[in-house]
Amino acid sequence: MADDLFKALADPTRRTILDELSEKSGQTLFEICSRLSMKHQLGISRQGVSQHLAMLEAAGLVETRREGRYKFHDLNTAPLRQITERWPVPDTPGPEKSTP
């Protein structure tokens, strides 16, 4: 599992960007910046958001596509499944019993 995934998830601003993309995928940089400013009162520059998006893309959590002069950002949750597959939660029929 890539360390890039955990580094990308470690930052609260990047997690907020992922939250926004889960709410509305396919946003442009302008839309993301607007939502971060208006909805979350984050005073971050376009360049700052762009750098966060680049890290999320390197971790595989964001995919981009170009349509004409616009670049759209989409959430990709596949890397998150790697985490759940690495540490699966065992099925237990009742409350867990702890031993002293």
Protein backbone atom coordinates (compact mmCIF):
# COMPACT_ATOMS: atom_id res chain seq x y z
CA MET A 1 0.00 0.00 0.00
CA ALA A 2 1.40 3.37 -0.97
CA ASP A 3 2.41 5.85 1.70
CA ASP A 4 1.03 8.53 -0.65
CA LEU A 5 -2.48 7.43 0.27
CA PHE A 6 -1.95 7.99 4.00
CA LYS A 7 -0.10 11.26 3.43
CA ALA A 8 -2.96 12.50 1.25
CA LEU A 9 -5.55 11.60 3.89
CA ALA A 10 -3.52 13.12 6.74
CA ASP A 11 -4.30 16.72 5.79
CA PRO A 12 -7.70 18.15 6.85
CA THR A 13 -7.93 20.42 3.79
CA ARG A 14 -7.44 17.45 1.47
CA ARG A 15 -10.10 15.51 3.37
CA THR A 16 -12.45 18.48 2.93
CA ILE A 17 -11.73 18.48 -0.81
CA LEU A 18 -12.56 14.75 -0.91
CA ASP A 19 -15.79 15.46 1.00
CA GLU A 20 -16.74 18.06 -1.59
CA LEU A 21 -15.94 15.70 -4.47
CA SER A 22 -17.99 12.94 -2.85
CA GLU A 23 -20.91 15.36 -2.64
CA LYS A 24 -20.49 16.57 -6.23
CA SER A 25 -17.97 14.81 -8.45
CA GLY A 26 -16.69 16.34 -11.68
CA GLN A 27 -15.83 19.80 -10.39
CA THR A 28 -13.40 22.26 -11.93
CA LEU A 29 -10.67 23.96 -9.90
CA PHE A 30 -12.81 27.12 -9.82
CA GLU A 31 -15.81 25.22 -8.41
CA ILE A 32 -13.71 23.51 -5.75
CA CYS A 33 -12.11 26.80 -4.69
CA SER A 34 -15.55 28.46 -4.52
CA ARG A 35 -17.03 25.68 -2.39
CA LEU A 36 -14.04 25.68 -0.01
CA SER A 37 -14.32 29.44 0.40
CA MET A 38 -18.08 29.77 0.69
CA LYS A 39 -19.05 26.57 2.48
CA HIS A 40 -15.99 25.96 4.67
CA GLN A 41 -14.59 29.50 5.01
CA LEU A 42 -11.14 28.26 3.95
CA GLY A 43 -8.96 31.11 2.72
CA ILE A 44 -6.73 29.08 0.45
CA SER A 45 -5.34 30.22 -2.90
CA ARG A 46 -6.10 28.53 -6.23
CA GLN A 47 -2.47 27.45 -6.34
CA GLY A 48 -2.81 25.90 -2.87
CA VAL A 49 -5.93 23.98 -3.87
CA SER A 50 -4.20 22.90 -7.07
CA GLN A 51 -1.27 21.52 -5.04
CA HIS A 52 -3.65 19.62 -2.77
CA LEU A 53 -5.43 18.19 -5.81
CA ALA A 54 -2.08 17.11 -7.29
CA MET A 55 -1.27 15.18 -4.10
CA LEU A 56 -4.72 13.57 -4.09
CA GLU A 57 -4.27 12.64 -7.75
CA ALA A 58 -0.82 11.14 -7.05
CA ALA A 59 -2.43 9.00 -4.32
CA GLY A 60 -5.09 7.86 -6.80
CA LEU A 61 -7.96 9.44 -4.85
CA VAL A 62 -8.75 12.00 -7.55
CA GLU A 63 -8.91 11.42 -11.29
CA THR A 64 -8.96 14.21 -13.82
CA ARG A 65 -10.40 14.51 -17.30
CA ARG A 66 -10.24 17.30 -19.81
CA GLU A 67 -13.15 18.56 -21.85
CA GLY A 68 -12.08 21.41 -24.05
CA ARG A 69 -10.37 24.00 -21.90
CA TYR A 70 -11.84 22.66 -18.66
CA LYS A 71 -10.28 20.12 -16.33
CA PHE A 72 -12.72 18.15 -14.19
CA HIS A 73 -11.85 16.37 -10.94
CA ASP A 74 -13.58 13.15 -9.92
CA LEU A 75 -13.37 11.18 -6.69
CA ASN A 76 -11.90 7.68 -6.94
CA THR A 77 -12.59 5.54 -3.87
CA ALA A 78 -10.74 2.44 -5.12
CA PRO A 79 -7.56 3.21 -3.10
CA LEU A 80 -9.65 3.39 0.08
CA ARG A 81 -10.71 -0.23 -0.47
CA GLN A 82 -7.03 -1.21 -0.14
CA ILE A 83 -7.18 -0.07 3.48
CA THR A 84 -10.28 -2.10 4.30
CA GLU A 85 -8.87 -5.15 2.53
CA ARG A 86 -5.58 -4.88 4.41
CA TRP A 87 -7.23 -4.77 7.85
CA PRO A 88 -10.56 -6.56 7.54
CA VAL A 89 -12.96 -6.39 10.45
CA PRO A 90 -13.78 -9.89 11.70
CA ASP A 91 -17.42 -10.90 11.86
CA THR A 92 -18.43 -11.39 15.46
CA PRO A 93 -21.86 -12.66 16.42
CA GLY A 94 -22.19 -10.60 19.60
CA PRO A 95 -20.44 -8.09 21.81
CA GLU A 96 -16.73 -8.60 22.02
CA LYS A 97 -15.43 -10.04 25.25
CA SER A 98 -12.22 -8.62 26.59
CA THR A 99 -9.85 -10.74 28.57
CA PRO A 100 -8.02 -9.23 31.55
